[in-house]
Each structure stands twice: as structure tokens, then as C-alpha cells.
Amino acid sequence: MSHSLRPFEGVKSVLVVLSSRAMTFDQAALRNHIHHAYPGAAVFFVSVSGDPVGMKAPSRVDLVVDFSEPGARQSLWFAHRMRSQGRHVVGRKTGLFYRQARYDRVYDGRADTLAPGDFIESERHAQKKVLELAGIPVSRQGGLTRDLGKEIGASLPAR
């Protein structure tokens, strides 16, 4: 396993900063992925501005996963606040040096030559990379297939 995929030790609480641009995983999916990597961990969500989404997070957590995108409307002290709140902090490079200096692991989308050109696909790619840096593996199971709901019912034997 490469260094970037190695999970952090002793993670019992995770704070996820949701992107304001686009979230490619819903909260339930994120919680599921996090529980697979860190069984029994409590998962909390906040918006890009730091407001709680659902249950409020404690003042200290073991891991912060920051999906904030470049250009997000945040205070200049947001990265410092996340660093002081989390024992380990992972996020995206936003153009300023604050995150690279404060976060443990940072994903740089501009340096990633494999990032797709499509907006949604590039967000999915970036968020997947941030999760991988946090030690949370995400495997895509495949694309959408044709809906067979009506055909399956028609092929069942009559009663």
C-alpha cells in the first residue's frame, strides 16, 4: 500500500467539510466509506463556511477531510481552524499556501495530469483523491446500465 493510502492510526472521530461546488458522494455514502476505513468512527459534517450540517462536531476530532474547492468563500483563518480542530487534516490545495503549510496531506488538482476535463468528473476525481489521501479507499463499481425494472417483472412466471 502506498504512503498516500495508508490510514491514520487511532481515528475515532471524523469531520468532513462539504464542498459548496458539487458533492459527488452524499452524506450516507461518505459515512459508509469512512466506516469501512475507520470502523466505529463518529462522522460529522460542516459546510464550507464551517456551519454544522446535522449534529454539531466536538471541538477536537481525530481526522478532518476538507473537500473545499479552490475559490471557496472562506475566511483566511479556515485552514488554521481546521488544523487546530483536527489531529490529522487532509484537503485540497486552494491556491493559497495556508493549506500546504497546515494540512498533513494536500491534493493539488492543477498538478494532477490524470484529472478529467468535465466539471463533475473532475470534482469526483478530486474528491476521490482527497478520500484516498485520508486513508479512505473508494472504488467505483462501474457506470450506469440500462434500467431493467419493467423487463424483469414481465419475465417472471405468472402465479
Protein backbone atom coordinates (compact mmCIF):
# COMPACT_ATOMS: atom_id res chain seq x y z
CA MET A 1 0.00 0.00 0.00
CA SER A 2 1.44 3.40 -0.93
CA HIS A 3 2.07 6.11 1.65
CA SER A 4 -0.83 8.24 0.40
CA LEU A 5 -3.31 5.44 1.02
CA ARG A 6 -2.11 4.48 4.49
CA PRO A 7 -4.85 5.18 7.04
CA PHE A 8 -4.15 7.30 10.08
CA GLU A 9 -3.90 5.45 13.38
CA GLY A 10 -6.49 5.66 16.17
CA VAL A 11 -9.21 7.58 14.32
CA LYS A 12 -12.43 7.63 16.36
CA SER A 13 -13.98 10.86 15.05
CA VAL A 14 -14.01 12.36 11.55
CA LEU A 15 -15.10 15.83 10.45
CA VAL A 16 -15.96 16.26 6.75
CA VAL A 17 -16.04 19.73 5.18
CA LEU A 18 -18.55 19.51 2.31
CA SER A 19 -17.78 21.22 -0.98
CA SER A 20 -20.00 24.13 -1.97
CA ARG A 21 -19.39 23.50 -5.67
CA ALA A 22 -20.56 19.91 -6.05
CA MET A 23 -20.61 16.84 -3.86
CA THR A 24 -20.24 13.62 -5.80
CA PHE A 25 -20.89 11.47 -2.71
CA ASP A 26 -23.91 12.02 -0.49
CA GLN A 27 -23.55 12.06 3.29
CA ALA A 28 -24.68 8.46 3.68
CA ALA A 29 -22.13 7.24 1.11
CA LEU A 30 -19.35 9.25 2.74
CA ARG A 31 -20.28 7.90 6.16
CA ASN A 32 -20.24 4.35 4.74
CA HIS A 33 -16.80 4.80 3.12
CA ILE A 34 -15.41 6.29 6.32
CA HIS A 35 -16.82 3.48 8.48
CA HIS A 36 -15.16 0.89 6.22
CA ALA A 37 -11.77 2.58 6.66
CA TYR A 38 -12.23 3.58 10.30
CA PRO A 39 -14.74 1.20 11.95
CA GLY A 40 -16.71 2.76 14.79
CA ALA A 41 -15.66 6.33 13.99
CA ALA A 42 -18.19 9.10 14.61
CA VAL A 43 -18.69 11.18 11.44
CA PHE A 44 -19.69 14.85 11.45
CA PHE A 45 -20.29 17.26 8.56
CA VAL A 46 -19.81 21.02 8.20
CA SER A 47 -20.36 23.40 5.31
CA VAL A 48 -17.56 25.33 3.60
CA SER A 49 -18.26 28.23 5.96
CA GLY A 50 -17.85 25.93 8.97
CA ASP A 51 -21.53 25.71 9.93
CA PRO A 52 -22.64 22.28 11.18
CA VAL A 53 -24.69 20.11 8.82
CA GLY A 54 -26.67 17.87 11.13
CA MET A 55 -25.17 17.08 14.52
CA LYS A 56 -22.50 19.50 15.73
CA ALA A 57 -18.94 18.15 15.83
CA PRO A 58 -16.87 18.21 19.01
CA SER A 59 -14.17 20.84 19.36
CA ARG A 60 -11.44 18.22 18.70
CA VAL A 61 -11.59 15.37 16.19
CA ASP A 62 -9.05 12.82 15.05
CA LEU A 63 -9.37 13.43 11.30
CA VAL A 64 -10.60 16.34 9.17
CA VAL A 65 -11.38 15.66 5.50
CA ASP A 66 -11.72 19.03 3.74
CA PHE A 67 -13.39 18.96 0.30
CA SER A 68 -13.34 22.79 0.00
CA GLU A 69 -12.61 23.64 -3.60
CA PRO A 70 -10.33 26.38 -4.95
CA GLY A 71 -12.19 29.68 -4.85
CA ALA A 72 -14.49 28.68 -1.98
CA ARG A 73 -15.71 31.62 0.08
CA GLN A 74 -13.93 31.05 3.37
CA SER A 75 -12.18 33.06 5.99
CA LEU A 76 -8.41 33.26 5.72
CA TRP A 77 -8.30 31.50 9.10
CA PHE A 78 -10.36 28.48 7.97
CA ALA A 79 -7.31 26.26 7.38
CA HIS A 80 -5.87 27.30 10.74
CA ARG A 81 -9.21 26.49 12.43
CA MET A 82 -9.36 23.05 10.80
CA ARG A 83 -5.75 22.37 11.83
CA SER A 84 -6.50 23.29 15.45
CA GLN A 85 -9.65 21.15 15.44
CA GLY A 86 -8.16 18.01 13.88
CA ARG A 87 -5.27 15.81 14.90
CA HIS A 88 -4.84 14.88 11.20
CA VAL A 89 -6.07 17.13 8.37
CA VAL A 90 -6.38 16.29 4.68
CA GLY A 91 -7.72 18.59 1.96
CA ARG A 92 -7.41 20.21 -1.43
CA LYS A 93 -4.97 22.90 -2.47
CA THR A 94 -6.92 26.11 -2.90
CA GLY A 95 -4.26 28.35 -4.36
CA LEU A 96 -3.02 29.86 -1.12
CA PHE A 97 -0.09 28.42 0.78
CA TYR A 98 -2.08 28.10 4.03
CA ARG A 99 -3.27 24.56 3.44
CA GLN A 100 0.04 23.17 2.27
CA ALA A 101 1.69 24.53 5.39
CA ARG A 102 -1.06 23.47 7.81
CA TYR A 103 -2.55 20.24 6.42
CA ASP A 104 -0.90 16.82 6.70
CA ARG A 105 -1.78 15.76 3.16
CA VAL A 106 -2.93 18.02 0.32
CA TYR A 107 -4.29 17.10 -3.11
CA ASP A 108 -3.20 19.51 -5.87
CA GLY A 109 -5.70 19.29 -8.72
CA ARG A 110 -3.67 21.51 -11.03
CA ALA A 111 -0.66 19.22 -10.84
CA ASP A 112 -2.77 16.10 -11.49
CA THR A 113 -2.37 15.27 -15.18
CA LEU A 114 -4.99 12.49 -14.96
CA ALA A 115 -7.82 14.80 -13.86
CA PRO A 116 -10.75 14.71 -16.33
CA GLY A 117 -11.82 17.83 -18.19
CA ASP A 118 -15.55 17.52 -17.41
CA PHE A 119 -16.61 19.58 -14.38
CA ILE A 120 -18.49 16.87 -12.49
CA GLU A 121 -15.97 14.17 -13.38
CA SER A 122 -13.09 16.39 -12.24
CA GLU A 123 -14.88 17.05 -8.92
CA ARG A 124 -15.47 13.31 -8.49
CA HIS A 125 -11.81 12.64 -9.25
CA ALA A 126 -10.59 15.34 -6.81
CA GLN A 127 -12.90 14.20 -4.00
CA LYS A 128 -11.89 10.59 -4.52
CA LYS A 129 -8.21 11.60 -4.33
CA VAL A 130 -8.81 13.52 -1.09
CA LEU A 131 -10.53 10.48 0.40
CA GLU A 132 -7.60 8.29 -0.66
CA LEU A 133 -5.16 10.70 1.00
CA ALA A 134 -7.25 10.35 4.16
CA GLY A 135 -6.84 6.57 4.00
CA ILE A 136 -10.39 6.01 2.80
CA PRO A 137 -10.35 3.87 -0.35
CA VAL A 138 -13.15 4.42 -2.84
CA SER A 139 -13.69 2.01 -5.67
CA ARG A 140 -16.08 2.89 -8.42
CA GLN A 141 -18.21 -0.12 -9.21
CA GLY A 142 -18.96 0.84 -12.79
CA GLY A 143 -21.17 3.09 -14.82
CA LEU A 144 -24.91 3.15 -15.10
CA THR A 145 -26.57 0.39 -17.03
CA ARG A 146 -29.90 0.19 -18.78
CA ASP A 147 -32.93 0.14 -16.42
CA LEU A 148 -34.36 -3.39 -16.48
CA GLY A 149 -37.10 -2.83 -13.88
CA LYS A 150 -40.05 -3.31 -16.25
CA GLU A 151 -38.46 -6.13 -18.24
CA ILE A 152 -37.61 -8.23 -15.16
CA GLY A 153 -41.20 -8.08 -13.92
CA ALA A 154 -42.54 -9.12 -17.31
CA SER A 155 -40.24 -12.13 -17.48
CA LEU A 156 -41.35 -13.60 -14.12
CA PRO A 157 -43.71 -16.60 -14.25
CA ALA A 158 -47.41 -15.94 -13.72
CA ARG A 159 -48.98 -17.12 -10.47
